């Protein structure tokens, strides 16, 4: 009777040990292949004054084209151009 209990105990221990090893292996692989997020790039420093003026002028031209058929869109575009 005691031999049967030992076999069951050994089987449970083996199963737990195997599941622990598998979990550790999964965690190791996840840590090895984890991708770190890139730092956010600040776009304000990369944009020159000339590019900002060109964008504002393009938005104003687009607003003038849209004035007749959608004045609200035209107003929004002018607002965006004024923000710089």
PDB file of N, CA and C in Angstrom:
ATOM      1  N   UNK A   1       0.815  -1.188   0.000  1.00  0.00           N
ATOM      2  CA  UNK A   1       0.000   0.000   0.000  1.00  0.00           C
ATOM      3  C   UNK A   1       0.864   1.259   0.000  1.00  0.00           C
ATOM      4  N   UNK A   2       1.926   1.212   0.746  1.00  0.00           N
ATOM      5  CA  UNK A   2       2.785   2.387   0.802  1.00  0.00           C
ATOM      6  C   UNK A   2       3.557   2.583  -0.501  1.00  0.00           C
ATOM      7  N   UNK A   3       3.859   1.507  -1.215  1.00  0.00           N
ATOM      8  CA  UNK A   3       4.560   1.631  -2.493  1.00  0.00           C
ATOM      9  C   UNK A   3       3.696   2.351  -3.514  1.00  0.00           C
ATOM     10  N   UNK A   4       2.404   2.101  -3.511  1.00  0.00           N
ATOM     11  CA  UNK A   4       1.490   2.770  -4.428  1.00  0.00           C
ATOM     12  C   UNK A   4       1.432   4.262  -4.125  1.00  0.00           C
ATOM     13  N   UNK A   5       1.405   4.590  -2.869  1.00  0.00           N
ATOM     14  CA  UNK A   5       1.387   6.002  -2.492  1.00  0.00           C
ATOM     15  C   UNK A   5       2.668   6.704  -2.925  1.00  0.00           C
ATOM     16  N   UNK A   6       3.785   6.011  -2.813  1.00  0.00           N
ATOM     17  CA  UNK A   6       5.049   6.615  -3.232  1.00  0.00           C
ATOM     18  C   UNK A   6       5.070   6.866  -4.738  1.00  0.00           C
ATOM     19  N   UNK A   7       4.520   5.942  -5.513  1.00  0.00           N
ATOM     20  CA  UNK A   7       4.493   6.127  -6.961  1.00  0.00           C
ATOM     21  C   UNK A   7       3.632   7.323  -7.348  1.00  0.00           C
ATOM     22  N   UNK A   8       2.513   7.443  -6.702  1.00  0.00           N
ATOM     23  CA  UNK A   8       1.639   8.581  -6.987  1.00  0.00           C
ATOM     24  C   UNK A   8       2.332   9.878  -6.598  1.00  0.00           C
ATOM     25  N   UNK A   9       2.984   9.858  -5.448  1.00  0.00           N
ATOM     26  CA  UNK A   9       3.692  11.056  -5.001  1.00  0.00           C
ATOM     27  C   UNK A   9       4.819  11.416  -5.969  1.00  0.00           C
ATOM     28  N   UNK A  10       5.552  10.443  -6.441  1.00  0.00           N
ATOM     29  CA  UNK A  10       6.645  10.686  -7.384  1.00  0.00           C
ATOM     30  C   UNK A  10       6.091  11.225  -8.700  1.00  0.00           C
ATOM     31  N   UNK A  11       4.976  10.673  -9.164  1.00  0.00           N
ATOM     32  CA  UNK A  11       4.371  11.161 -10.402  1.00  0.00           C
ATOM     33  C   UNK A  11       3.945  12.615 -10.268  1.00  0.00           C
ATOM     34  N   UNK A  12       3.333  12.962  -9.137  1.00  0.00           N
ATOM     35  CA  UNK A  12       2.909  14.345  -8.947  1.00  0.00           C
ATOM     36  C   UNK A  12       4.114  15.276  -8.866  1.00  0.00           C
ATOM     37  N   UNK A  13       5.156  14.810  -8.200  1.00  0.00           N
ATOM     38  CA  UNK A  13       6.360  15.624  -8.091  1.00  0.00           C
ATOM     39  C   UNK A  13       7.005  15.817  -9.460  1.00  0.00           C
ATOM     40  N   UNK A  14       7.050  14.762 -10.246  1.00  0.00           N
ATOM     41  CA  UNK A  14       7.633  14.844 -11.579  1.00  0.00           C
ATOM     42  C   UNK A  14       6.827  15.800 -12.452  1.00  0.00           C
ATOM     43  N   UNK A  15       5.517  15.724 -12.356  1.00  0.00           N
ATOM     44  CA  UNK A  15       4.664  16.611 -13.140  1.00  0.00           C
ATOM     45  C   UNK A  15       4.877  18.058 -12.719  1.00  0.00           C
ATOM     46  N   UNK A  16       4.957  18.296 -11.451  1.00  0.00           N
ATOM     47  CA  UNK A  16       5.167  19.664 -10.984  1.00  0.00           C
ATOM     48  C   UNK A  16       6.544  20.166 -11.392  1.00  0.00           C
ATOM     49  N   UNK A  17       7.533  19.297 -11.265  1.00  0.00           N
ATOM     50  CA  UNK A  17       8.888  19.689 -11.652  1.00  0.00           C
ATOM     51  C   UNK A  17       8.956  19.997 -13.148  1.00  0.00           C
ATOM     52  N   UNK A  18       8.336  19.142 -13.944  1.00  0.00           N
ATOM     53  CA  UNK A  18       8.344  19.352 -15.393  1.00  0.00           C
ATOM     54  C   UNK A  18       7.602  20.632 -15.760  1.00  0.00           C
ATOM     55  N   UNK A  19       6.503  20.903 -15.099  1.00  0.00           N
ATOM     56  CA  UNK A  19       5.767  22.128 -15.411  1.00  0.00           C
ATOM     57  C   UNK A  19       6.555  23.356 -14.971  1.00  0.00           C
ATOM     58  N   UNK A  20       7.289  23.240 -13.857  1.00  0.00           N
ATOM     59  CA  UNK A  20       8.128  24.359 -13.418  1.00  0.00           C
ATOM     60  C   UNK A  20       9.271  24.609 -14.397  1.00  0.00           C
ATOM     61  N   UNK A  21       9.874  23.537 -14.881  1.00  0.00           N
ATOM     62  CA  UNK A  21      10.958  23.684 -15.853  1.00  0.00           C
ATOM     63  C   UNK A  21      10.419  24.283 -17.151  1.00  0.00           C
ATOM     64  N   UNK A  22       9.253  23.836 -17.570  1.00  0.00           N
ATOM     65  CA  UNK A  22       8.657  24.378 -18.795  1.00  0.00           C
ATOM     66  C   UNK A  22       8.322  25.856 -18.629  1.00  0.00           C
ATOM     67  N   UNK A  23       7.781  26.221 -17.470  1.00  0.00           N
ATOM     68  CA  UNK A  23       7.460  27.626 -17.223  1.00  0.00           C
ATOM     69  C   UNK A  23       8.732  28.467 -17.201  1.00  0.00           C
ATOM     70  N   UNK A  24       9.786  27.947 -16.594  1.00  0.00           N
ATOM     71  CA  UNK A  24      11.052  28.680 -16.559  1.00  0.00           C
ATOM     72  C   UNK A  24      11.630  28.838 -17.962  1.00  0.00           C
ATOM     73  N   UNK A  25      11.513  27.802 -18.776  1.00  0.00           N
ATOM     74  CA  UNK A  25      12.006  27.883 -20.154  1.00  0.00           C
ATOM     75  C   UNK A  25      11.211  28.910 -20.956  1.00  0.00           C
ATOM     76  N   UNK A  26       9.900  28.931 -20.771  1.00  0.00           N
ATOM     77  CA  UNK A  26       9.072  29.924 -21.474  1.00  0.00           C
ATOM     78  C   UNK A  26       9.443  31.339 -21.047  1.00  0.00           C
ATOM     79  N   UNK A  27       9.663  31.538 -19.754  1.00  0.00           N
ATOM     80  CA  UNK A  27      10.039  32.865 -19.271  1.00  0.00           C
ATOM     81  C   UNK A  27      11.406  33.279 -19.796  1.00  0.00           C
ATOM     82  N   UNK A  28      12.328  32.324 -19.874  1.00  0.00           N
ATOM     83  CA  UNK A  28      13.651  32.620 -20.409  1.00  0.00           C
ATOM     84  C   UNK A  28      13.566  33.023 -21.877  1.00  0.00           C
ATOM     85  N   UNK A  29      12.797  32.278 -22.652  1.00  0.00           N
ATOM     86  CA  UNK A  29      12.639  32.620 -24.071  1.00  0.00           C
ATOM     87  C   UNK A  29      11.948  33.963 -24.247  1.00  0.00           C
ATOM     88  N   UNK A  30      10.945  34.223 -23.414  1.00  0.00           N
ATOM     89  CA  UNK A  30      10.255  35.512 -23.505  1.00  0.00           C
ATOM     90  C   UNK A  30      11.207  36.650 -23.173  1.00  0.00           C
ATOM     91  N   UNK A  31      12.076  36.449 -22.190  1.00  0.00           N
ATOM     92  CA  UNK A  31      13.033  37.494 -21.829  1.00  0.00           C
ATOM     93  C   UNK A  31      14.090  37.678 -22.913  1.00  0.00           C
ATOM     94  N   UNK A  32      14.502  36.594 -23.544  1.00  0.00           N
ATOM     95  CA  UNK A  32      15.518  36.691 -24.595  1.00  0.00           C
ATOM     96  C   UNK A  32      14.999  37.390 -25.842  1.00  0.00           C
ATOM     97  N   UNK A  33      13.753  37.117 -26.189  1.00  0.00           N
ATOM     98  CA  UNK A  33      13.196  37.663 -27.420  1.00  0.00           C
ATOM     99  C   UNK A  33      12.313  38.877 -27.198  1.00  0.00           C
ATOM    100  N   UNK A  34      12.326  39.421 -26.002  1.00  0.00           N
ATOM    101  CA  UNK A  34      11.510  40.600 -25.715  1.00  0.00           C
ATOM    102  C   UNK A  34      12.075  41.793 -26.476  1.00  0.00           C
ATOM    103  N   UNK A  35      11.188  42.596 -27.026  1.00  0.00           N
ATOM    104  CA  UNK A  35      11.582  43.786 -27.772  1.00  0.00           C
ATOM    105  C   UNK A  35      11.326  44.991 -26.890  1.00  0.00           C
ATOM    106  N   UNK A  36      12.357  45.762 -26.669  1.00  0.00           N
ATOM    107  CA  UNK A  36      12.201  46.954 -25.851  1.00  0.00           C
ATOM    108  C   UNK A  36      11.582  48.055 -26.701  1.00  0.00           C
ATOM    109  N   UNK A  37      10.659  48.831 -26.143  1.00  0.00           N
ATOM    110  CA  UNK A  37      10.050  49.911 -26.928  1.00  0.00           C
ATOM    111  C   UNK A  37      11.067  51.001 -27.229  1.00  0.00           C
ATOM    112  N   UNK A  38      10.933  51.565 -28.394  1.00  0.00           N
ATOM    113  CA  UNK A  38      11.821  52.656 -28.793  1.00  0.00           C
ATOM    114  C   UNK A  38      11.442  53.922 -28.037  1.00  0.00           C
ATOM    115  N   UNK A  39      12.406  54.758 -27.730  1.00  0.00           N
ATOM    116  CA  UNK A  39      12.064  56.028 -27.084  1.00  0.00           C
ATOM    117  C   UNK A  39      11.331  56.935 -28.069  1.00  0.00           C
ATOM    118  N   UNK A  40      10.436  57.723 -27.544  1.00  0.00           N
ATOM    119  CA  UNK A  40       9.656  58.618 -28.390  1.00  0.00           C
ATOM    120  C   UNK A  40      10.569  59.679 -28.996  1.00  0.00           C
ATOM    121  N   UNK A  41      10.377  59.929 -30.271  1.00  0.00           N
ATOM    122  CA  UNK A  41      11.179  60.920 -30.973  1.00  0.00           C
ATOM    123  C   UNK A  41      10.430  62.238 -30.945  1.00  0.00           C
ATOM    124  N   UNK A  42      11.106  63.259 -30.540  1.00  0.00           N
ATOM    125  CA  UNK A  42      10.489  64.579 -30.495  1.00  0.00           C
ATOM    126  C   UNK A  42      10.565  65.179 -31.888  1.00  0.00           C
ATOM    127  N   UNK A  43       9.409  65.401 -32.495  1.00  0.00           N
ATOM    128  CA  UNK A  43       9.370  65.879 -33.874  1.00  0.00           C
ATOM    129  C   UNK A  43       9.618  67.380 -33.969  1.00  0.00           C
ATOM    130  N   UNK A  44       9.414  68.123 -32.876  1.00  0.00           N
ATOM    131  CA  UNK A  44       9.555  69.573 -32.936  1.00  0.00           C
ATOM    132  C   UNK A  44      10.993  69.992 -33.223  1.00  0.00           C
ATOM    133  N   UNK A  45      11.951  69.238 -32.757  1.00  0.00           N
ATOM    134  CA  UNK A  45      13.345  69.612 -32.956  1.00  0.00           C
ATOM    135  C   UNK A  45      13.811  69.354 -34.384  1.00  0.00           C
ATOM    136  N   UNK A  46      13.200  68.396 -35.048  1.00  0.00           N
ATOM    137  CA  UNK A  46      13.636  68.017 -36.386  1.00  0.00           C
ATOM    138  C   UNK A  46      13.053  68.907 -37.478  1.00  0.00           C
ATOM    139  N   UNK A  47      12.008  69.644 -37.180  1.00  0.00           N
ATOM    140  CA  UNK A  47      11.326  70.454 -38.190  1.00  0.00           C
ATOM    141  C   UNK A  47      11.945  71.849 -38.207  1.00  0.00           C
ATOM    142  N   UNK A  48      12.398  72.255 -39.374  1.00  0.00           N
ATOM    143  CA  UNK A  48      13.010  73.582 -39.487  1.00  0.00           C
ATOM    144  C   UNK A  48      11.926  74.641 -39.689  1.00  0.00           C
ATOM    145  N   UNK A  49      12.330  75.880 -39.530  1.00  0.00           N
ATOM    146  CA  UNK A  49      11.405  76.998 -39.705  1.00  0.00           C
ATOM    147  C   UNK A  49      10.906  77.047 -41.147  1.00  0.00           C
ATOM    148  N   UNK A  50      11.768  76.749 -42.087  1.00  0.00           N
ATOM    149  CA  UNK A  50      11.386  76.771 -43.505  1.00  0.00           C
ATOM    150  C   UNK A  50      10.316  75.724 -43.797  1.00  0.00           C
ATOM    151  N   UNK A  51      10.468  74.529 -43.219  1.00  0.00           N
ATOM    152  CA  UNK A  51       9.469  73.481 -43.421  1.00  0.00           C
ATOM    153  C   UNK A  51       8.129  73.871 -42.799  1.00  0.00           C
ATOM    154  N   UNK A  52       8.179  74.515 -41.639  1.00  0.00           N
ATOM    155  CA  UNK A  52       6.930  74.941 -41.000  1.00  0.00           C
ATOM    156  C   UNK A  52       6.219  75.993 -41.840  1.00  0.00           C
ATOM    157  N   UNK A  53       6.983  76.925 -42.393  1.00  0.00           N
ATOM    158  CA  UNK A  53       6.378  77.953 -43.244  1.00  0.00           C
ATOM    159  C   UNK A  53       5.811  77.347 -44.520  1.00  0.00           C
ATOM    160  N   UNK A  54       6.500  76.379 -45.091  1.00  0.00           N
ATOM    161  CA  UNK A  54       6.001  75.721 -46.301  1.00  0.00           C
ATOM    162  C   UNK A  54       4.709  74.963 -46.006  1.00  0.00           C
ATOM    163  N   UNK A  55       4.640  74.318 -44.853  1.00  0.00           N
ATOM    164  CA  UNK A  55       3.422  73.592 -44.481  1.00  0.00           C
ATOM    165  C   UNK A  55       2.263  74.550 -44.246  1.00  0.00           C
ATOM    166  N   UNK A  56       2.544  75.671 -43.580  1.00  0.00           N
ATOM    167  CA  UNK A  56       1.492  76.653 -43.329  1.00  0.00           C
ATOM    168  C   UNK A  56       0.987  77.242 -44.636  1.00  0.00           C
ATOM    169  N   UNK A  57       1.892  77.511 -45.563  1.00  0.00           N
ATOM    170  CA  UNK A  57       1.468  78.061 -46.844  1.00  0.00           C
ATOM    171  C   UNK A  57       0.657  77.045 -47.636  1.00  0.00           C
ATOM    172  N   UNK A  58       1.049  75.772 -47.568  1.00  0.00           N
ATOM    173  CA  UNK A  58       0.286  74.720 -48.252  1.00  0.00           C
ATOM    174  C   UNK A  58      -1.112  74.595 -47.651  1.00  0.00           C
ATOM    175  N   UNK A  59      -1.215  74.659 -46.322  1.00  0.00           N
ATOM    176  CA  UNK A  59      -2.534  74.574 -45.683  1.00  0.00           C
ATOM    177  C   UNK A  59      -3.402  75.774 -46.047  1.00  0.00           C
ATOM    178  N   UNK A  60      -2.811  76.957 -46.135  1.00  0.00           N
ATOM    179  CA  UNK A  60      -3.586  78.139 -46.527  1.00  0.00           C
ATOM    180  C   UNK A  60      -4.068  78.033 -47.969  1.00  0.00           C
ATOM    181  N   UNK A  61      -3.217  77.521 -48.875  1.00  0.00           N
ATOM    182  CA  UNK A  61      -3.664  77.323 -50.256  1.00  0.00           C
ATOM    183  C   UNK A  61      -4.794  76.304 -50.326  1.00  0.00           C
ATOM    184  N   UNK A  62      -4.672  75.249 -49.559  1.00  0.00           N
ATOM    185  CA  UNK A  62      -5.720  74.235 -49.518  1.00  0.00           C
ATOM    186  C   UNK A  62      -7.014  74.819 -48.953  1.00  0.00           C
ATOM    187  N   UNK A  63      -6.898  75.681 -47.952  1.00  0.00           N
ATOM    188  CA  UNK A  63      -8.076  76.331 -47.379  1.00  0.00           C
ATOM    189  C   UNK A  63      -8.749  77.234 -48.404  1.00  0.00           C
ATOM    190  N   UNK A  64      -7.968  77.936 -49.206  1.00  0.00           N
ATOM    191  CA  UNK A  64      -8.550  78.786 -50.244  1.00  0.00           C
ATOM    192  C   UNK A  64      -9.277  77.955 -51.293  1.00  0.00           C
ATOM    193  N   UNK A  65      -8.741  76.786 -51.626  1.00  0.00           N
ATOM    194  CA  UNK A  65      -9.402  75.913 -52.597  1.00  0.00           C
ATOM    195  C   UNK A  65     -10.721  75.366 -52.058  1.00  0.00           C
ATOM    196  N   UNK A  66     -10.805  75.143 -50.776  1.00  0.00           N
ATOM    197  CA  UNK A  66     -11.997  74.527 -50.165  1.00  0.00           C
ATOM    198  C   UNK A  66     -13.041  75.552 -49.737  1.00  0.00           C
ATOM    199  N   UNK A  67     -12.753  76.823 -49.874  1.00  0.00           N
ATOM    200  CA  UNK A  67     -13.621  77.867 -49.314  1.00  0.00           C
ATOM    201  C   UNK A  67     -15.057  77.793 -49.822  1.00  0.00           C
ATOM    202  N   UNK A  68     -15.261  77.566 -51.106  1.00  0.00           N
ATOM    203  CA  UNK A  68     -16.624  77.585 -51.666  1.00  0.00           C
ATOM    204  C   UNK A  68     -17.460  76.399 -51.230  1.00  0.00           C
ATOM    205  N   UNK A  69     -16.896  75.204 -51.281  1.00  0.00           N
ATOM    206  CA  UNK A  69     -17.736  74.028 -51.024  1.00  0.00           C
ATOM    207  C   UNK A  69     -17.739  73.582 -49.564  1.00  0.00           C
ATOM    208  N   UNK A  70     -16.756  73.972 -48.776  1.00  0.00           N
ATOM    209  CA  UNK A  70     -16.793  73.600 -47.355  1.00  0.00           C
ATOM    210  C   UNK A  70     -16.058  74.649 -46.525  1.00  0.00           C
ATOM    211  N   UNK A  71     -16.797  75.673 -46.133  1.00  0.00           N
ATOM    212  CA  UNK A  71     -16.167  76.756 -45.369  1.00  0.00           C
ATOM    213  C   UNK A  71     -15.674  76.315 -43.985  1.00  0.00           C
ATOM    214  N   UNK A  72     -16.350  75.328 -43.381  1.00  0.00           N
ATOM    215  CA  UNK A  72     -15.888  74.861 -42.068  1.00  0.00           C
ATOM    216  C   UNK A  72     -14.515  74.193 -42.178  1.00  0.00           C
ATOM    217  N   UNK A  73     -14.326  73.390 -43.212  1.00  0.00           N
ATOM    218  CA  UNK A  73     -13.032  72.757 -43.428  1.00  0.00           C
ATOM    219  C   UNK A  73     -11.967  73.812 -43.693  1.00  0.00           C
ATOM    220  N   UNK A  74     -12.342  74.819 -44.442  1.00  0.00           N
ATOM    221  CA  UNK A  74     -11.412  75.901 -44.733  1.00  0.00           C
ATOM    222  C   UNK A  74     -10.978  76.608 -43.448  1.00  0.00           C
ATOM    223  N   UNK A  75     -11.924  76.851 -42.562  1.00  0.00           N
ATOM    224  CA  UNK A  75     -11.598  77.492 -41.285  1.00  0.00           C
ATOM    225  C   UNK A  75     -10.679  76.603 -40.442  1.00  0.00           C
ATOM    226  N   UNK A  76     -10.955  75.314 -40.437  1.00  0.00           N
ATOM    227  CA  UNK A  76     -10.105  74.376 -39.682  1.00  0.00           C
ATOM    228  C   UNK A  76      -8.687  74.365 -40.244  1.00  0.00           C
ATOM    229  N   UNK A  77      -8.560  74.369 -41.570  1.00  0.00           N
ATOM    230  CA  UNK A  77      -7.237  74.359 -42.186  1.00  0.00           C
ATOM    231  C   UNK A  77      -6.465  75.636 -41.869  1.00  0.00           C
ATOM    232  N   UNK A  78      -7.154  76.759 -41.876  1.00  0.00           N
ATOM    233  CA  UNK A  78      -6.494  78.021 -41.531  1.00  0.00           C
ATOM    234  C   UNK A  78      -6.052  78.030 -40.071  1.00  0.00           C
ATOM    235  N   UNK A  79      -6.881  77.444 -39.210  1.00  0.00           N
ATOM    236  CA  UNK A  79      -6.518  77.355 -37.795  1.00  0.00           C
ATOM    237  C   UNK A  79      -5.267  76.491 -37.625  1.00  0.00           C
ATOM    238  N   UNK A  80      -5.228  75.367 -38.337  1.00  0.00           N
ATOM    239  CA  UNK A  80      -4.055  74.491 -38.252  1.00  0.00           C
ATOM    240  C   UNK A  80      -2.811  75.198 -38.777  1.00  0.00           C
ATOM    241  N   UNK A  81      -2.964  75.985 -39.834  1.00  0.00           N
ATOM    242  CA  UNK A  81      -1.825  76.711 -40.391  1.00  0.00           C
ATOM    243  C   UNK A  81      -1.338  77.783 -39.422  1.00  0.00           C
ATOM    244  N   UNK A  82      -2.248  78.386 -38.683  1.00  0.00           N
ATOM    245  CA  UNK A  82      -1.847  79.448 -37.757  1.00  0.00           C
ATOM    246  C   UNK A  82      -1.140  78.904 -36.517  1.00  0.00           C
ATOM    247  N   UNK A  83      -1.396  77.653 -36.182  1.00  0.00           N
ATOM    248  CA  UNK A  83      -0.764  77.067 -34.997  1.00  0.00           C
ATOM    249  C   UNK A  83       0.725  76.821 -35.205  1.00  0.00           C
ATOM    250  N   UNK A  84       1.117  76.612 -36.438  1.00  0.00           N
ATOM    251  CA  UNK A  84       2.532  76.413 -36.738  1.00  0.00           C
ATOM    252  C   UNK A  84       2.956  75.069 -36.380  1.00  0.00           C
TER     253      UNK A  84
END
